[in-house]
């Protein structure tokens, strides 16, 4: 299976982004995604900067590089930037909104369907493959059984599937809102946030009254409190025919995470237990580690 690095979902300072991708270019990654997917106010890098960085990383790493678009479009200006991204004419784009799908279809170019497109059956996949989707990242709540059923449905109806890329490690992006929760937590207005997200390079943990981390707040994005980790599921995913595993960036120890997954795909023994959660993969609440509670 391919190893892919998803786009950075948090707001990091410009130099931190540059240093991160310089490090990742040396890792055994097959595909590297980059670009802003959460908030258009995050302008540490412009679209031209992202495009230039993509060229540099592609040359340094030999990996395929993909530019990811915004997930929630709220203004005409954001739609204009998205159009420019889709019309870059050089680098493949990950569509996280149907507006991007329309722009990319009009260009007649291949694209990646991101996890926010809400695709759950083979017939929808067939339509988007006809429009140029060559790789698909299922929604993060999809279970192994759901994906197996979808793949079986495709075989029964002679539907050509794109490459399937599973979100295998990282805080799960669960929902997006017009409201910025990070600004709200600091008693700031969204339009005058002072880019407060930069103070939280891995988001803000949101806990229950009992002190359990339930969610992670990241601007307008709500994420899982725990890190989803499917490394122990590698044999099953390989048997299913999954094509790629996505690792979502964090600010520390990312190279170690890449190495752990690379070791297993090169024949290493997958762990019997894991550090993280995997409930969604087993059709259970996503916050669970199902081995620990005896559900599998």
Protein backbone atom coordinates (compact mmCIF):
# COMPACT_ATOMS: atom_id res chain seq x y z
CA UNK A 1 0.00 0.00 0.00
CA UNK A 2 1.03 3.58 -0.58
CA UNK A 3 1.71 5.86 2.36
CA UNK A 4 0.32 9.36 2.03
CA UNK A 5 0.70 12.49 4.13
CA UNK A 6 -2.53 14.44 4.40
CA UNK A 7 -2.68 18.24 4.38
CA UNK A 8 -1.75 20.08 7.58
CA UNK A 9 -5.10 20.73 9.25
CA UNK A 10 -3.78 23.15 11.89
CA UNK A 11 -2.52 26.71 11.54
CA UNK A 12 1.26 26.74 11.73
CA UNK A 13 3.60 29.64 11.17
CA UNK A 14 5.25 29.90 7.78
CA UNK A 15 8.68 28.71 8.86
CA UNK A 16 7.18 25.76 10.73
CA UNK A 17 5.40 24.70 7.55
CA UNK A 18 8.57 25.00 5.48
CA UNK A 19 10.61 23.04 8.02
CA UNK A 20 7.94 20.36 8.28
CA UNK A 21 7.80 19.68 4.54
CA UNK A 22 11.60 19.73 4.26
CA UNK A 23 11.60 16.90 6.82
CA UNK A 24 8.71 15.03 5.19
CA UNK A 25 10.41 15.17 1.79
CA UNK A 26 13.02 12.81 3.27
CA UNK A 27 10.46 10.27 4.51
CA UNK A 28 9.23 7.15 2.65
CA UNK A 29 5.99 8.75 1.47
CA UNK A 30 4.34 8.09 -1.88
CA UNK A 31 1.92 11.03 -1.91
CA UNK A 32 2.15 14.36 -0.07
CA UNK A 33 -0.89 16.63 0.21
CA UNK A 34 -0.55 20.29 1.07
CA UNK A 35 -2.67 23.42 1.16
CA UNK A 36 -5.26 25.06 3.40
CA UNK A 37 -8.44 23.04 3.90
CA UNK A 38 -9.94 24.59 7.05
CA UNK A 39 -9.98 28.41 7.08
CA UNK A 40 -9.32 30.94 4.32
CA UNK A 41 -8.03 33.45 6.89
CA UNK A 42 -4.98 31.27 7.43
CA UNK A 43 -2.57 32.94 5.04
CA UNK A 44 0.86 31.92 6.27
CA UNK A 45 1.31 30.78 2.67
CA UNK A 46 -0.50 32.13 -0.37
CA UNK A 47 -1.72 29.92 -3.21
CA UNK A 48 1.39 30.83 -5.20
CA UNK A 49 3.52 29.89 -2.18
CA UNK A 50 1.81 26.51 -1.88
CA UNK A 51 2.30 25.86 -5.58
CA UNK A 52 5.99 26.74 -5.39
CA UNK A 53 6.45 24.60 -2.27
CA UNK A 54 4.70 21.71 -4.01
CA UNK A 55 7.22 21.87 -6.86
CA UNK A 56 10.14 21.91 -4.41
CA UNK A 57 8.81 18.97 -2.38
CA UNK A 58 8.08 16.95 -5.52
CA UNK A 59 11.62 17.47 -6.76
CA UNK A 60 13.20 16.71 -3.38
CA UNK A 61 11.10 13.66 -2.52
CA UNK A 62 10.05 12.06 -5.78
CA UNK A 63 6.57 11.69 -4.27
CA UNK A 64 3.36 12.70 -5.98
CA UNK A 65 2.26 16.08 -4.63
CA UNK A 66 -1.40 17.12 -4.40
CA UNK A 67 -2.86 20.52 -3.52
CA UNK A 68 -5.92 20.33 -1.24
CA UNK A 69 -8.80 22.80 -1.42
CA UNK A 70 -11.05 24.32 1.24
CA UNK A 71 -13.76 22.16 2.76
CA UNK A 72 -16.33 24.84 3.62
CA UNK A 73 -16.85 27.62 1.09
CA UNK A 74 -18.53 30.67 2.65
CA UNK A 75 -17.69 33.62 0.40
CA UNK A 76 -17.26 34.55 -3.26
CA UNK A 77 -13.60 35.37 -2.58
CA UNK A 78 -13.03 31.81 -1.32
CA UNK A 79 -14.72 30.45 -4.43
CA UNK A 80 -12.38 32.56 -6.57
CA UNK A 81 -9.27 31.19 -4.84
CA UNK A 82 -10.65 27.66 -5.19
CA UNK A 83 -11.13 28.21 -8.92
CA UNK A 84 -7.52 29.39 -9.26
CA UNK A 85 -6.36 26.31 -7.38
CA UNK A 86 -8.33 23.98 -9.64
CA UNK A 87 -7.07 25.75 -12.75
CA UNK A 88 -3.37 25.66 -11.77
CA UNK A 89 -2.69 23.43 -14.78
CA UNK A 90 0.22 21.60 -13.21
CA UNK A 91 -0.50 19.89 -9.87
CA UNK A 92 -3.30 17.47 -9.04
CA UNK A 93 -5.98 18.81 -6.69
CA UNK A 94 -7.89 17.20 -3.82
CA UNK A 95 -11.53 18.30 -3.95
CA UNK A 96 -13.11 18.72 -0.53
CA UNK A 97 -16.21 20.52 -1.80
CA UNK A 98 -18.46 19.87 -4.79
CA UNK A 99 -17.60 23.30 -6.18
CA UNK A 100 -14.06 22.02 -6.66
CA UNK A 101 -15.42 18.91 -8.38
CA UNK A 102 -17.27 21.14 -10.84
CA UNK A 103 -14.21 23.31 -11.54
CA UNK A 104 -11.98 20.25 -12.03
CA UNK A 105 -14.52 18.51 -14.25
CA UNK A 106 -14.68 21.59 -16.44
CA UNK A 107 -10.88 21.40 -16.78
CA UNK A 108 -11.07 17.71 -17.74
CA UNK A 109 -8.31 16.77 -15.28
CA UNK A 110 -7.91 13.95 -12.77
CA UNK A 111 -8.48 14.78 -9.12
CA UNK A 112 -8.65 13.24 -5.65
CA UNK A 113 -11.96 13.09 -3.81
CA UNK A 114 -11.39 14.17 -0.20
CA UNK A 115 -13.09 12.75 2.92
CA UNK A 116 -15.55 15.65 3.18
CA UNK A 117 -17.41 14.76 -0.06
CA UNK A 118 -19.74 12.34 1.78
CA UNK A 119 -19.64 9.41 -0.64
CA UNK A 120 -21.07 6.14 0.69
CA UNK A 121 -21.95 3.93 -2.30
CA UNK A 122 -20.45 2.65 -5.53
CA UNK A 123 -22.95 4.42 -7.79
CA UNK A 124 -21.87 7.85 -6.53
CA UNK A 125 -18.26 6.79 -6.98
CA UNK A 126 -19.00 5.72 -10.54
CA UNK A 127 -20.37 9.17 -11.36
CA UNK A 128 -17.35 10.94 -9.92
CA UNK A 129 -14.89 8.55 -11.57
CA UNK A 130 -16.50 9.48 -14.88
CA UNK A 131 -15.83 13.09 -13.99
CA UNK A 132 -12.14 12.41 -13.35
CA UNK A 133 -11.75 11.22 -9.75
CA UNK A 134 -8.76 8.86 -9.68
CA UNK A 135 -8.40 8.45 -5.91
CA UNK A 136 -10.97 8.57 -3.11
CA UNK A 137 -10.59 9.16 0.62
CA UNK A 138 -13.73 7.75 2.30
CA UNK A 139 -15.42 9.75 5.07
CA UNK A 140 -13.60 9.09 8.33
CA UNK A 141 -16.63 7.42 9.95
CA UNK A 142 -16.75 4.64 7.35
CA UNK A 143 -16.22 1.18 8.81
CA UNK A 144 -14.33 -1.72 7.27
CA UNK A 145 -17.65 -3.50 6.71
CA UNK A 146 -19.13 -0.49 4.91
CA UNK A 147 -16.11 -0.22 2.63
CA UNK A 148 -16.17 -3.96 1.94
CA UNK A 149 -19.85 -3.76 1.03
CA UNK A 150 -19.20 -0.80 -1.26
CA UNK A 151 -16.39 -2.66 -3.02
CA UNK A 152 -18.62 -5.72 -3.39
CA UNK A 153 -21.38 -3.53 -4.81
CA UNK A 154 -18.92 -2.19 -7.38
CA UNK A 155 -17.92 -5.71 -8.42
CA UNK A 156 -21.54 -6.83 -8.77
CA UNK A 157 -22.40 -3.89 -11.00
CA UNK A 158 -19.12 -3.81 -12.93
CA UNK A 159 -18.24 -0.37 -11.58
CA UNK A 160 -14.64 0.73 -11.88
CA UNK A 161 -13.33 1.92 -8.54
CA UNK A 162 -10.72 4.64 -8.05
CA UNK A 163 -7.79 4.11 -5.73
CA UNK A 164 -9.07 3.95 -2.15
CA UNK A 165 -7.09 5.87 0.48
CA UNK A 166 -8.08 5.29 4.11
CA UNK A 167 -7.54 7.89 6.84
CA UNK A 168 -5.25 5.74 9.00
CA UNK A 169 -3.69 8.05 11.59
CA UNK A 170 -4.44 11.43 13.15
CA UNK A 171 -7.18 13.49 14.74
CA UNK A 172 -10.32 12.76 12.72
CA UNK A 173 -11.92 15.82 11.05
CA UNK A 174 -15.55 15.39 12.11
CA UNK A 175 -17.43 18.60 11.32
CA UNK A 176 -17.12 22.16 10.04
CA UNK A 177 -19.04 25.24 11.13
CA UNK A 178 -19.43 28.87 10.14
CA UNK A 179 -18.44 29.71 13.74
CA UNK A 180 -14.80 29.65 14.84
CA UNK A 181 -14.63 27.72 18.08
CA UNK A 182 -11.00 28.63 18.76
CA UNK A 183 -11.81 32.34 18.60
CA UNK A 184 -14.86 31.77 20.78
CA UNK A 185 -12.75 29.99 23.39
CA UNK A 186 -10.59 33.14 23.60
CA UNK A 187 -13.62 35.47 23.67
CA UNK A 188 -12.72 36.83 20.24
CA UNK A 189 -14.94 37.53 17.25
CA UNK A 190 -14.31 35.35 14.21
CA UNK A 191 -13.65 38.41 12.03
CA UNK A 192 -11.15 39.76 14.56
CA UNK A 193 -9.55 36.52 15.73
CA UNK A 194 -5.94 37.71 15.67
CA UNK A 195 -5.06 34.33 14.08
CA UNK A 196 -5.28 32.81 17.53
CA UNK A 197 -5.12 29.30 16.00
CA UNK A 198 -1.35 29.72 15.74
CA UNK A 199 -1.18 29.40 19.53
CA UNK A 200 -2.52 25.84 19.28
CA UNK A 201 -0.39 23.88 16.77
CA UNK A 202 -2.32 20.66 17.53
CA UNK A 203 -5.70 22.20 18.39
CA UNK A 204 -7.45 22.75 21.73
CA UNK A 205 -8.49 19.64 23.68
CA UNK A 206 -12.14 19.84 24.77
CA UNK A 207 -12.87 17.76 27.85
CA UNK A 208 -15.97 16.47 29.58
CA UNK A 209 -16.78 17.40 33.18
CA UNK A 210 -15.05 14.15 34.15
CA UNK A 211 -11.84 15.30 32.47
CA UNK A 212 -12.01 12.99 29.45
CA UNK A 213 -10.83 14.51 26.17
CA UNK A 214 -13.86 14.35 23.88
CA UNK A 215 -13.07 16.64 20.94
CA UNK A 216 -10.25 18.77 19.57
CA UNK A 217 -11.14 22.30 18.47
CA UNK A 218 -9.33 23.62 15.42
CA UNK A 219 -10.84 26.89 14.26
CA UNK A 220 -14.11 26.13 12.48
CA UNK A 221 -13.27 22.43 12.52
CA UNK A 222 -14.27 19.94 15.21
CA UNK A 223 -11.95 16.94 15.41
CA UNK A 224 -11.77 13.76 17.45
CA UNK A 225 -10.31 14.11 20.91
CA UNK A 226 -8.13 11.04 20.47
CA UNK A 227 -5.84 10.15 17.61
CA UNK A 228 -7.30 7.53 15.29
CA UNK A 229 -4.76 4.78 14.66
CA UNK A 230 -5.32 1.91 12.22
CA UNK A 231 -1.81 0.48 12.15
CA UNK A 232 -3.00 -2.73 13.82
CA UNK A 233 -5.58 -3.09 11.01
CA UNK A 234 -2.96 -3.22 8.26
CA UNK A 235 -3.43 -6.93 7.40
CA UNK A 236 -7.18 -6.53 7.03
CA UNK A 237 -6.86 -3.42 4.89
CA UNK A 238 -4.32 -5.17 2.70
CA UNK A 239 -6.65 -8.14 2.26
CA UNK A 240 -9.53 -5.80 1.37
CA UNK A 241 -7.49 -4.21 -1.41
CA UNK A 242 -7.08 -0.74 0.13
CA UNK A 243 -4.58 1.18 -2.00
CA UNK A 244 -3.22 3.85 0.34
CA UNK A 245 -3.09 4.92 3.98
CA UNK A 246 -3.33 8.58 4.97
CA UNK A 247 -1.34 9.94 7.91
CA UNK A 248 -2.55 13.33 9.12
CA UNK A 249 0.22 15.73 10.22
CA UNK A 250 0.88 16.83 13.78
CA UNK A 251 3.53 19.24 15.04
CA UNK A 252 5.84 16.69 16.69
CA UNK A 253 7.20 13.19 16.02
CA UNK A 254 5.60 12.88 12.59
CA UNK A 255 8.65 11.20 11.10
CA UNK A 256 8.37 8.48 13.76
CA UNK A 257 4.74 7.84 12.80
CA UNK A 258 5.68 7.52 9.12
CA UNK A 259 8.46 5.10 10.00
CA UNK A 260 6.13 2.91 12.09
CA UNK A 261 3.69 2.51 9.20
CA UNK A 262 6.49 2.03 6.67
CA UNK A 263 8.04 -0.73 8.78
CA UNK A 264 4.75 -2.66 8.84
CA UNK A 265 4.12 -2.31 5.12
CA UNK A 266 7.63 -3.65 4.49
CA UNK A 267 6.85 -6.83 6.37
CA UNK A 268 7.10 -5.84 10.01
CA UNK A 269 4.63 -7.30 12.51
CA UNK A 270 1.63 -5.03 13.17
CA UNK A 271 1.02 -4.19 16.83
CA UNK A 272 -1.59 -6.24 18.70
CA UNK A 273 -2.65 -3.18 20.68
CA UNK A 274 -2.45 0.47 19.74
CA UNK A 275 -2.16 3.95 21.15
CA UNK A 276 -5.22 5.77 19.89
CA UNK A 277 -8.81 5.03 18.91
CA UNK A 278 -10.29 2.91 16.12
CA UNK A 279 -13.99 2.57 16.90
CA UNK A 280 -15.29 3.83 13.55
CA UNK A 281 -13.31 1.20 11.66
CA UNK A 282 -15.15 -1.49 13.65
CA UNK A 283 -18.60 0.09 13.32
CA UNK A 284 -18.49 1.40 16.88
CA UNK A 285 -18.33 4.92 18.36
CA UNK A 286 -15.17 6.47 16.98
CA UNK A 287 -13.72 7.44 20.36
CA UNK A 288 -13.36 3.79 21.42
CA UNK A 289 -10.33 1.56 21.25
CA UNK A 290 -12.34 -1.57 20.58
CA UNK A 291 -9.70 -4.08 21.69
CA UNK A 292 -9.62 -2.51 25.15
CA UNK A 293 -13.36 -2.80 25.72
CA UNK A 294 -13.70 -6.31 24.27
CA UNK A 295 -15.74 -5.44 21.19
CA UNK A 296 -13.59 -7.40 18.74
